[in-house]
Amino acid sequence: MADGRERNDTRALRGAQLLLVAAAGGLWGAARLPWVLIRSFDGLGQPKQITVTGASWSTALLPLALLCLAAAVAAMAVRGWQLRVLAVVLAAVSLACGYLAISMWVARDITLRALDIAEIPLTSLLGTDRRLTGAVLSLVAALGVLAAAVLLMRVAAHSAGRVTRYSAPAERRAAARDLEAGKPADPDGPQVSERMMWDALDEGRDPTGDPDDRAPGPDVEGR
């Protein structure tokens, strides 16, 4: 069962990495796509159409894409609480991506900002059109990053449970050795139980005997 859970955690980790790489690709694509089209005419020639890309509209898209790629690599090297911290960071990245996408939808007027980005005077403006394809990609990437954060948090929780489960037998054996040697039990450590005595017997030691009555070793017998 433990091997099966480890395999599931490995699949979840790989799935999270794939989601992060896909989200990074989506954010990169959103940065390249047009978000606003501006039609302008300066009175000297033909009307022009200027494209405001996602990278110009929101300079955070490309850094967030790079952060997703870095997180996909870091997920292979960190475990435990570090993996939980990474999951929390990715949740914040997901919120940022979602905010960028939704703000494009709910913004009532994008004209002034688009003109400021393209450095076009208001007197030359003929009209603006918003393009939502990049915003949709950003929202999909945000959902992918959030799903990756959930998977990484689950992997971190399962790995912490395995560490606790595997360290308990070692603590029991140490307590059993202390009992055999006649040392007082550590109040902060595990309490001596029947299971600890069985562990001591499995190792060929008598947990109930007096350590002073143990048979002399080979060195003593040969003298």
Foldseek 3Di string as FASTA:
>chain_A
DVVVVVVVLVVLLVLLLVLLLLLLVLLVVQQAAFFKWFWFDPPPDDIDIDTQGNCLVDVCSNVLSVVSNVLSVVSVVDAAVVLLVSLVVLLVSLVVLLVSLVCSVPPPDCVVVVCVSVVHDPVGTDDMDGDNPSSVSSNSSSVSSNSSSVSSVVSRVVVVVVVVVVVVVVLLQVQLVCLLQVHDGDPVGDDHDPVSQVVQVVVVGHSPDHNVPDDDDPVVVVD
